[in-house]
Amino acid sequence: MITMRLLLWSLLVAAAGGLAWGVGWIGSFQAWLAGLARQPGVREAFADPEYGRIDALTLLLSFFLLTPIGALVLAIVMVFVLIAVALLFEPALRTLKVPDWVAVPVVLAGSGCVAWAASGLWLPQSLQILGLVVRAWSVYFSGTPAPK
């Protein structure tokens, strides 16, 4: 049963990727990433002719090794926060005679709204880091540091 689900999900992902390629979304995504690498704060990164590629490799290794650990910690914290908020929100739903399962979608929607409202706090830094990763990728795999 698990292999059938895996096959189905693999086919869906492959179909979505093929559709995105055919429509031309992949090219616009690559252009967006290239624009992130040309940001003013990122454009000068890894420009040293001697150590630029080494610094780029260090950033790539750090990013790809530490990001899953950070995502796991964030997911665990998010689960505890969602449980706490759902437990606090559930008595209010009981007084309204709403089923208990309604608390989870309401709390998830509220969390999404809070993340969207606070996007000014975390989105610029995330795009800066993504720009640095794209710049490091292009510098390391092109062989020479790109000009400023």
Protein backbone atom coordinates (compact mmCIF):
# COMPACT_ATOMS: atom_id res chain seq x y z
CA MET A 1 0.00 0.00 0.00
CA ILE A 2 2.83 2.40 0.82
CA THR A 3 4.57 1.72 -2.48
CA MET A 4 1.36 2.48 -4.37
CA ARG A 5 1.01 5.80 -2.57
CA LEU A 6 4.66 6.60 -3.22
CA LEU A 7 4.20 5.81 -6.90
CA LEU A 8 1.08 7.98 -7.06
CA TRP A 9 2.77 10.93 -5.35
CA SER A 10 5.84 10.52 -7.58
CA LEU A 11 3.65 10.59 -10.68
CA LEU A 12 1.79 13.67 -9.41
CA VAL A 13 5.03 15.52 -8.68
CA ALA A 14 6.47 14.52 -12.06
CA ALA A 15 3.28 15.65 -13.82
CA ALA A 16 3.31 18.98 -11.96
CA GLY A 17 6.99 19.48 -12.85
CA GLY A 18 6.33 18.64 -16.51
CA LEU A 19 3.38 21.02 -16.58
CA ALA A 20 5.45 23.78 -14.96
CA TRP A 21 8.22 23.19 -17.51
CA GLY A 22 5.79 23.23 -20.42
CA VAL A 23 4.03 26.39 -19.30
CA GLY A 24 7.35 28.17 -18.76
CA TRP A 25 7.21 28.64 -15.01
CA ILE A 26 10.65 27.06 -14.56
CA GLY A 27 12.31 29.82 -16.60
CA SER A 28 10.59 32.58 -14.65
CA PHE A 29 11.57 30.85 -11.38
CA GLN A 30 15.21 30.73 -12.52
CA ALA A 31 15.03 34.41 -13.46
CA TRP A 32 13.60 35.21 -10.01
CA LEU A 33 16.46 33.29 -8.35
CA ALA A 34 19.00 35.12 -10.51
CA GLY A 35 17.41 38.40 -9.42
CA LEU A 36 17.85 37.37 -5.79
CA ALA A 37 21.54 36.73 -6.44
CA ARG A 38 21.87 40.25 -7.91
CA GLN A 39 20.52 42.04 -4.83
CA PRO A 40 22.75 44.90 -3.64
CA GLY A 41 23.70 43.18 -0.37
CA VAL A 42 24.44 39.88 -2.08
CA ARG A 43 26.12 41.01 -5.29
CA GLU A 44 29.53 41.54 -3.63
CA ALA A 45 29.55 38.21 -1.77
CA PHE A 46 32.16 35.61 -2.71
CA ALA A 47 33.99 38.01 -5.04
CA ASP A 48 37.45 37.26 -3.60
CA PRO A 49 39.44 35.54 -6.37
CA GLU A 50 41.36 33.30 -3.95
CA TYR A 51 38.82 32.37 -1.29
CA GLY A 52 35.48 33.14 -2.94
CA ARG A 53 34.81 29.56 -4.05
CA ILE A 54 35.86 28.16 -0.66
CA ASP A 55 33.55 30.58 1.14
CA ALA A 56 30.73 29.66 -1.26
CA LEU A 57 31.26 25.95 -0.61
CA THR A 58 31.30 26.55 3.15
CA LEU A 59 28.01 28.43 2.96
CA LEU A 60 26.42 25.74 0.77
CA LEU A 61 27.50 22.93 3.08
CA SER A 62 26.35 24.83 6.16
CA PHE A 63 23.01 25.67 4.59
CA PHE A 64 22.22 22.19 3.29
CA LEU A 65 23.37 20.45 6.49
CA LEU A 66 21.84 22.81 9.07
CA THR A 67 18.56 23.70 7.35
CA PRO A 68 16.93 20.28 7.95
CA ILE A 69 17.89 20.45 11.63
CA GLY A 70 16.45 23.95 11.94
CA ALA A 71 13.28 22.92 10.10
CA LEU A 72 12.83 19.97 12.45
CA VAL A 73 13.25 22.16 15.53
CA LEU A 74 10.82 24.70 14.07
CA ALA A 75 8.27 21.96 13.31
CA ILE A 76 8.52 20.60 16.86
CA VAL A 77 8.08 24.07 18.37
CA MET A 78 5.16 24.74 16.03
CA VAL A 79 3.44 21.50 17.08
CA PHE A 80 3.72 22.41 20.75
CA VAL A 81 2.43 25.94 20.12
CA LEU A 82 -0.48 24.64 18.05
CA ILE A 83 -1.40 22.11 20.75
CA ALA A 84 -1.28 24.77 23.44
CA VAL A 85 -3.39 27.22 21.44
CA ALA A 86 -5.88 24.49 20.47
CA LEU A 87 -6.25 23.50 24.13
CA LEU A 88 -6.82 27.13 25.10
CA PHE A 89 -9.29 27.67 22.25
CA GLU A 90 -11.27 24.46 22.74
CA PRO A 91 -13.31 25.57 25.81
CA ALA A 92 -14.64 28.54 23.86
CA LEU A 93 -15.78 26.18 21.12
CA ARG A 94 -17.47 23.92 23.67
CA THR A 95 -19.54 26.81 24.99
CA LEU A 96 -20.69 27.45 21.41
CA LYS A 97 -21.47 23.71 21.05
CA VAL A 98 -19.11 23.37 18.09
CA PRO A 99 -17.41 19.98 17.51
CA ASP A 100 -13.90 19.58 18.94
CA TRP A 101 -12.30 18.90 15.56
CA VAL A 102 -13.08 22.47 14.44
CA ALA A 103 -10.36 23.80 16.78
CA VAL A 104 -7.51 22.43 14.68
CA PRO A 105 -8.45 24.12 11.35
CA VAL A 106 -9.26 27.37 13.14
CA VAL A 107 -5.90 27.38 14.93
CA LEU A 108 -4.04 26.49 11.72
CA ALA A 109 -5.81 29.27 9.81
CA GLY A 110 -5.03 31.69 12.62
CA SER A 111 -1.38 30.65 12.60
CA GLY A 112 -1.24 31.21 8.85
CA CYS A 113 -2.75 34.67 9.28
CA VAL A 114 -0.24 35.52 12.00
CA ALA A 115 2.66 34.32 9.82
CA TRP A 116 1.35 36.42 6.92
CA ALA A 117 0.86 39.47 9.13
CA ALA A 118 4.39 39.11 10.54
CA SER A 119 5.97 38.44 7.15
CA GLY A 120 7.64 41.84 7.26
CA LEU A 121 9.75 40.55 10.14
CA TRP A 122 10.99 37.27 8.62
CA LEU A 123 10.55 37.51 4.83
CA PRO A 124 13.33 40.03 4.00
CA GLN A 125 15.93 38.03 5.95
CA SER A 126 14.76 34.80 4.33
CA LEU A 127 15.08 36.29 0.85
CA GLN A 128 18.52 37.64 1.75
CA ILE A 129 19.67 34.17 2.83
CA LEU A 130 18.16 32.58 -0.27
CA GLY A 131 19.96 35.16 -2.40
CA LEU A 132 23.25 34.31 -0.68
CA VAL A 133 22.69 30.60 -1.29
CA VAL A 134 21.91 31.19 -4.97
CA ARG A 135 24.97 33.44 -5.30
CA ALA A 136 27.16 30.81 -3.57
CA TRP A 137 25.75 28.12 -5.87
CA SER A 138 26.49 30.15 -9.00
CA VAL A 139 29.98 31.13 -7.81
CA TYR A 140 30.98 27.64 -6.76
CA PHE A 141 29.62 25.79 -9.76
CA SER A 142 30.70 28.34 -12.35
CA GLY A 143 34.34 27.89 -11.35
CA THR A 144 35.21 31.55 -10.96
CA PRO A 145 33.72 34.32 -8.84
CA ALA A 146 31.26 36.38 -10.85
CA PRO A 147 32.13 40.05 -11.38
CA LYS A 148 30.51 42.60 -9.09
